[in-house]
Amino acid sequence: MTTVRNEFAKLRHLHIGAIAAVSVAAIVGLTFVGALTATASKDSTTVSWALPLAGLSLAIPVASPLLLAVIASRTMEVEHQSNGWLLNRTNGADRGALVRAKLVSTGLVVAGATVAASAGSVFLGTVIGVTQPLPAALWLGYTAAAVTINLVILAVHLLISARVDNQLVALGIGIVGTVIAICASGFPSWAAHLTPWGYYSLASAADYRGEQVVTLNPSYASIAALAVVGAVSFWLTTVRLDRQEVRA
């Protein structure tokens, strides 16, 4: 708990909250632009909750991967530059334990930002004139799926940034992840399952079919499997980091 508290204190100095706010603004902004573009035709059949939900399903994959990489990189870069690994070890926190603490602290920020962006998109629905009842179950389901995917990708980037001193590598992987996330909707289902970034397309709750926007059923089973595999892999990898640190 002491290590986690220390990590929260570091977040304030690293301006992680500001990065999370940029993420929320980017997602809501992209959703808003998409909604305005679609409603410009004044086609009343498109003004439904499927419209902002489709925008949100596109905006999160576009904005999240690189910003997740930036968050992970900034939280790890300080340890590489100030020999923080050794300092934390003398305080009883091995390398793996420190990475786990960073996932808790940054994960809460990322989860909160994702939920805030989803709530902002609900507000946009009322702005563009949606009068239908909110599909709360679908919206909450997509939000939970997006939070899960973001946390798994954050964990991946924390491990990469912990193992690689040059953070340009981690940021480069974030750029590649953004490309995969954007293009994954055109992948076959099996291909989307191969990388964590591909799961954004599996979580989509609405999409365009021709000129119409339709709601979809997110692949909750696949997202749950990703969460289990990601959690187990992250735990085993950080335990190995602890053991390597002890032997070192």
Protein backbone atom coordinates (compact mmCIF):
# COMPACT_ATOMS: atom_id res chain seq x y z
CA MET A 1 0.00 0.00 0.00
CA THR A 2 2.89 2.36 0.72
CA THR A 3 4.27 1.75 -2.76
CA VAL A 4 0.88 2.45 -4.32
CA ARG A 5 0.54 5.69 -2.35
CA ASN A 6 3.98 6.74 -3.53
CA GLU A 7 2.95 6.05 -7.11
CA PHE A 8 -0.12 8.25 -6.77
CA ALA A 9 2.12 11.04 -5.50
CA LYS A 10 4.37 10.62 -8.55
CA LEU A 11 1.40 10.87 -10.90
CA ARG A 12 0.74 14.45 -9.81
CA HIS A 13 4.29 15.49 -10.65
CA LEU A 14 4.21 13.66 -13.98
CA HIS A 15 0.94 15.38 -15.01
CA ILE A 16 -0.73 12.07 -15.75
CA GLY A 17 -4.08 13.63 -14.89
CA ALA A 18 -3.58 16.18 -17.66
CA ILE A 19 -2.82 13.41 -20.16
CA ALA A 20 -5.97 11.59 -19.07
CA ALA A 21 -7.95 14.80 -19.54
CA VAL A 22 -6.55 15.11 -23.07
CA SER A 23 -7.70 11.55 -23.69
CA VAL A 24 -11.23 12.35 -22.53
CA ALA A 25 -11.35 15.51 -24.63
CA ALA A 26 -10.04 13.70 -27.71
CA ILE A 27 -12.56 10.86 -27.43
CA VAL A 28 -15.52 13.14 -26.81
CA GLY A 29 -14.36 15.50 -29.56
CA LEU A 30 -14.03 12.72 -32.12
CA THR A 31 -17.43 11.37 -31.13
CA PHE A 32 -18.95 14.83 -31.49
CA VAL A 33 -17.42 15.38 -34.94
CA GLY A 34 -18.71 12.01 -36.11
CA ALA A 35 -22.18 12.76 -34.80
CA LEU A 36 -22.28 16.19 -36.44
CA THR A 37 -21.13 14.75 -39.75
CA ALA A 38 -23.85 12.10 -39.71
CA THR A 39 -26.65 14.44 -38.63
CA ALA A 40 -25.71 17.01 -41.29
CA SER A 41 -27.82 15.02 -43.75
CA LYS A 42 -30.85 15.65 -41.51
CA ASP A 43 -31.86 12.03 -41.89
CA SER A 44 -34.06 11.42 -38.86
CA THR A 45 -33.42 7.68 -39.02
CA THR A 46 -29.80 8.25 -38.07
CA VAL A 47 -30.50 10.36 -34.99
CA SER A 48 -30.55 7.56 -32.49
CA TRP A 49 -28.31 6.34 -29.70
CA ALA A 50 -26.55 4.15 -32.24
CA LEU A 51 -25.00 7.32 -33.69
CA PRO A 52 -22.97 8.53 -30.67
CA LEU A 53 -22.29 4.91 -29.73
CA ALA A 54 -20.76 4.28 -33.16
CA GLY A 55 -18.69 7.45 -32.77
CA LEU A 56 -17.50 6.34 -29.35
CA SER A 57 -16.65 2.86 -30.67
CA LEU A 58 -14.40 4.54 -33.25
CA ALA A 59 -13.00 7.35 -31.09
CA ILE A 60 -11.66 5.15 -28.30
CA PRO A 61 -9.48 3.01 -30.62
CA VAL A 62 -8.20 6.14 -32.35
CA ALA A 63 -7.29 8.12 -29.22
CA SER A 64 -6.47 5.55 -26.55
CA PRO A 65 -3.51 3.39 -27.69
CA LEU A 66 -0.91 6.13 -28.09
CA LEU A 67 -2.01 8.01 -24.97
CA LEU A 68 -1.82 4.77 -22.98
CA ALA A 69 1.73 4.34 -24.24
CA VAL A 70 2.56 7.90 -23.18
CA ILE A 71 1.14 7.35 -19.68
CA ALA A 72 3.07 4.10 -19.21
CA SER A 73 6.26 5.60 -20.63
CA ARG A 74 6.18 8.67 -18.38
CA THR A 75 5.61 6.62 -15.24
CA MET A 76 8.51 4.30 -16.08
CA GLU A 77 10.92 6.84 -17.50
CA VAL A 78 11.41 8.45 -14.10
CA GLU A 79 12.59 5.10 -12.69
CA HIS A 80 15.11 4.60 -15.48
CA GLN A 81 16.49 8.13 -15.25
CA SER A 82 16.77 8.43 -11.46
CA ASN A 83 17.78 4.85 -10.69
CA GLY A 84 14.41 4.46 -9.02
CA TRP A 85 14.51 0.67 -9.37
CA LEU A 86 17.37 0.45 -6.86
CA LEU A 87 15.85 3.05 -4.56
CA ASN A 88 12.52 1.24 -4.40
CA ARG A 89 14.25 -2.08 -3.84
CA THR A 90 16.00 -0.68 -0.77
CA ASN A 91 12.54 0.32 0.48
CA GLY A 92 11.27 -3.23 0.06
CA ALA A 93 9.62 -2.99 -3.38
CA ASP A 94 11.20 -5.19 -6.02
CA ARG A 95 10.90 -4.36 -9.69
CA GLY A 96 7.82 -6.48 -10.30
CA ALA A 97 6.05 -5.12 -7.22
CA LEU A 98 6.72 -1.58 -8.41
CA VAL A 99 5.27 -2.36 -11.84
CA ARG A 100 2.15 -3.80 -10.19
CA ALA A 101 1.80 -0.67 -8.06
CA LYS A 102 2.07 1.47 -11.17
CA LEU A 103 -0.71 -0.53 -12.82
CA VAL A 104 -2.97 0.11 -9.84
CA SER A 105 -2.31 3.86 -9.79
CA THR A 106 -2.36 4.54 -13.52
CA GLY A 107 -5.11 1.96 -14.06
CA LEU A 108 -7.49 3.88 -11.84
CA VAL A 109 -6.77 7.05 -13.82
CA VAL A 110 -7.25 5.29 -17.16
CA ALA A 111 -10.47 3.59 -16.04
CA GLY A 112 -11.83 6.89 -14.75
CA ALA A 113 -10.95 8.67 -18.00
CA THR A 114 -12.63 5.96 -20.09
CA VAL A 115 -15.81 6.14 -18.02
CA ALA A 116 -15.77 9.95 -18.20
CA ALA A 117 -15.44 9.84 -22.00
CA SER A 118 -18.35 7.40 -22.21
CA ALA A 119 -20.49 9.64 -19.99
CA GLY A 120 -19.57 12.65 -22.12
CA SER A 121 -20.74 10.80 -25.20
CA VAL A 122 -24.09 10.15 -23.53
CA PHE A 123 -24.41 13.90 -23.03
CA LEU A 124 -23.63 14.41 -26.72
CA GLY A 125 -26.57 12.19 -27.57
CA THR A 126 -28.91 14.64 -25.90
CA VAL A 127 -27.17 17.55 -27.63
CA ILE A 128 -27.78 16.15 -31.11
CA GLY A 129 -31.43 15.54 -30.30
CA VAL A 130 -31.73 11.84 -29.52
CA THR A 131 -35.11 11.31 -27.86
CA GLN A 132 -35.14 7.52 -27.64
CA PRO A 133 -34.59 5.77 -24.30
CA LEU A 134 -30.90 5.21 -23.59
CA PRO A 135 -29.83 1.57 -24.21
CA ALA A 136 -28.20 1.48 -20.79
CA ALA A 137 -27.22 -2.20 -20.83
CA LEU A 138 -25.46 -1.93 -24.17
CA TRP A 139 -23.78 1.35 -23.25
CA LEU A 140 -22.55 0.05 -19.89
CA GLY A 141 -21.42 -3.18 -21.52
CA TYR A 142 -19.36 -1.34 -24.11
CA THR A 143 -17.89 0.95 -21.47
CA ALA A 144 -16.84 -2.03 -19.35
CA ALA A 145 -15.32 -3.71 -22.41
CA ALA A 146 -13.39 -0.53 -23.33
CA VAL A 147 -12.09 -0.17 -19.77
CA THR A 148 -10.93 -3.79 -19.81
CA ILE A 149 -9.10 -3.44 -23.13
CA ASN A 150 -7.48 -0.17 -22.07
CA LEU A 151 -6.22 -1.73 -18.83
CA VAL A 152 -4.77 -4.73 -20.64
CA ILE A 153 -2.98 -2.49 -23.14
CA LEU A 154 -1.76 -0.26 -20.30
CA ALA A 155 -0.34 -3.35 -18.57
CA VAL A 156 1.43 -4.36 -21.79
CA HIS A 157 3.00 -0.93 -22.13
CA LEU A 158 4.07 -0.83 -18.49
CA LEU A 159 5.95 -4.10 -18.98
CA ILE A 160 7.54 -2.87 -22.20
CA SER A 161 8.57 0.44 -20.64
CA ALA A 162 9.95 -1.36 -17.59
CA ARG A 163 12.14 -3.64 -19.68
CA VAL A 164 13.33 -1.13 -22.29
CA ASP A 165 15.28 1.96 -21.26
CA ASN A 166 14.66 3.82 -24.53
CA GLN A 167 11.05 4.96 -24.27
CA LEU A 168 10.92 5.77 -27.97
CA VAL A 169 10.53 2.03 -28.48
CA ALA A 170 7.44 1.97 -26.28
CA LEU A 171 5.98 5.01 -28.04
CA GLY A 172 6.67 3.43 -31.42
CA ILE A 173 4.74 0.35 -30.35
CA GLY A 174 1.92 2.67 -29.26
CA ILE A 175 1.80 4.13 -32.78
CA VAL A 176 1.71 0.65 -34.31
CA GLY A 177 -1.04 -0.27 -31.85
CA THR A 178 -3.07 2.74 -32.98
CA VAL A 179 -2.83 1.62 -36.59
CA ILE A 180 -3.91 -1.91 -35.65
CA ALA A 181 -6.81 -0.61 -33.56
CA ILE A 182 -8.07 1.58 -36.41
CA CYS A 183 -7.73 -1.11 -39.07
CA ALA A 184 -8.93 -4.05 -36.95
CA SER A 185 -12.56 -3.56 -37.91
CA GLY A 186 -11.59 -4.81 -41.37
CA PHE A 187 -9.76 -7.86 -40.01
CA PRO A 188 -11.26 -11.34 -39.86
CA SER A 189 -12.40 -12.18 -36.35
CA TRP A 190 -9.52 -14.58 -35.74
CA ALA A 191 -6.97 -11.91 -36.74
CA ALA A 192 -8.51 -9.34 -34.38
CA HIS A 193 -7.94 -11.81 -31.53
CA LEU A 194 -4.18 -11.93 -32.14
CA THR A 195 -3.27 -8.60 -30.50
CA PRO A 196 -4.85 -6.67 -27.62
CA TRP A 197 -5.40 -3.69 -29.93
CA GLY A 198 -7.58 -5.82 -32.19
CA TYR A 199 -10.07 -6.32 -29.38
CA TYR A 200 -11.34 -2.77 -29.81
CA SER A 201 -13.13 -3.95 -32.95
CA LEU A 202 -14.56 -6.95 -31.10
CA ALA A 203 -15.99 -4.61 -28.48
CA SER A 204 -17.71 -2.25 -30.95
CA ALA A 205 -21.32 -1.62 -29.95
CA ALA A 206 -22.40 0.20 -33.14
CA ASP A 207 -21.13 0.67 -36.66
CA TYR A 208 -22.15 1.89 -40.10
CA ARG A 209 -23.82 -0.50 -42.52
CA GLY A 210 -24.00 1.44 -45.74
CA GLU A 211 -25.57 4.78 -44.83
CA GLN A 212 -27.29 3.47 -41.71
CA VAL A 213 -25.93 3.11 -38.20
CA VAL A 214 -26.78 -0.15 -36.45
CA THR A 215 -26.09 -1.45 -32.97
CA LEU A 216 -23.91 -4.53 -32.52
CA ASN A 217 -23.38 -7.11 -29.83
CA PRO A 218 -19.88 -6.77 -28.37
CA SER A 219 -17.91 -10.01 -28.05
CA TYR A 220 -18.09 -10.10 -24.26
CA ALA A 221 -16.69 -13.64 -24.07
CA SER A 222 -13.60 -12.61 -26.02
CA ILE A 223 -13.12 -9.52 -23.86
CA ALA A 224 -13.44 -11.63 -20.70
CA ALA A 225 -10.88 -14.09 -22.06
CA LEU A 226 -8.53 -11.18 -22.82
CA ALA A 227 -8.92 -9.94 -19.25
CA VAL A 228 -8.07 -13.36 -17.78
CA VAL A 229 -5.10 -13.98 -20.07
CA GLY A 230 -3.85 -10.43 -19.57
CA ALA A 231 -4.12 -10.58 -15.78
CA VAL A 232 -2.39 -13.96 -15.52
CA SER A 233 0.36 -12.97 -17.97
CA PHE A 234 0.96 -9.67 -16.19
CA TRP A 235 1.16 -11.35 -12.80
CA LEU A 236 3.56 -14.07 -13.96
CA THR A 237 5.77 -11.56 -15.76
CA THR A 238 6.03 -9.23 -12.76
CA VAL A 239 6.73 -12.18 -10.43
CA ARG A 240 9.56 -13.13 -12.78
CA LEU A 241 10.82 -9.55 -12.59
CA ASP A 242 10.87 -9.85 -8.80
CA ARG A 243 12.90 -13.05 -8.97
CA GLN A 244 15.33 -11.62 -11.48
CA GLU A 245 15.84 -8.61 -9.26
CA VAL A 246 16.53 -10.80 -6.24
CA ARG A 247 19.07 -12.91 -8.12
CA ALA A 248 20.69 -9.74 -9.43
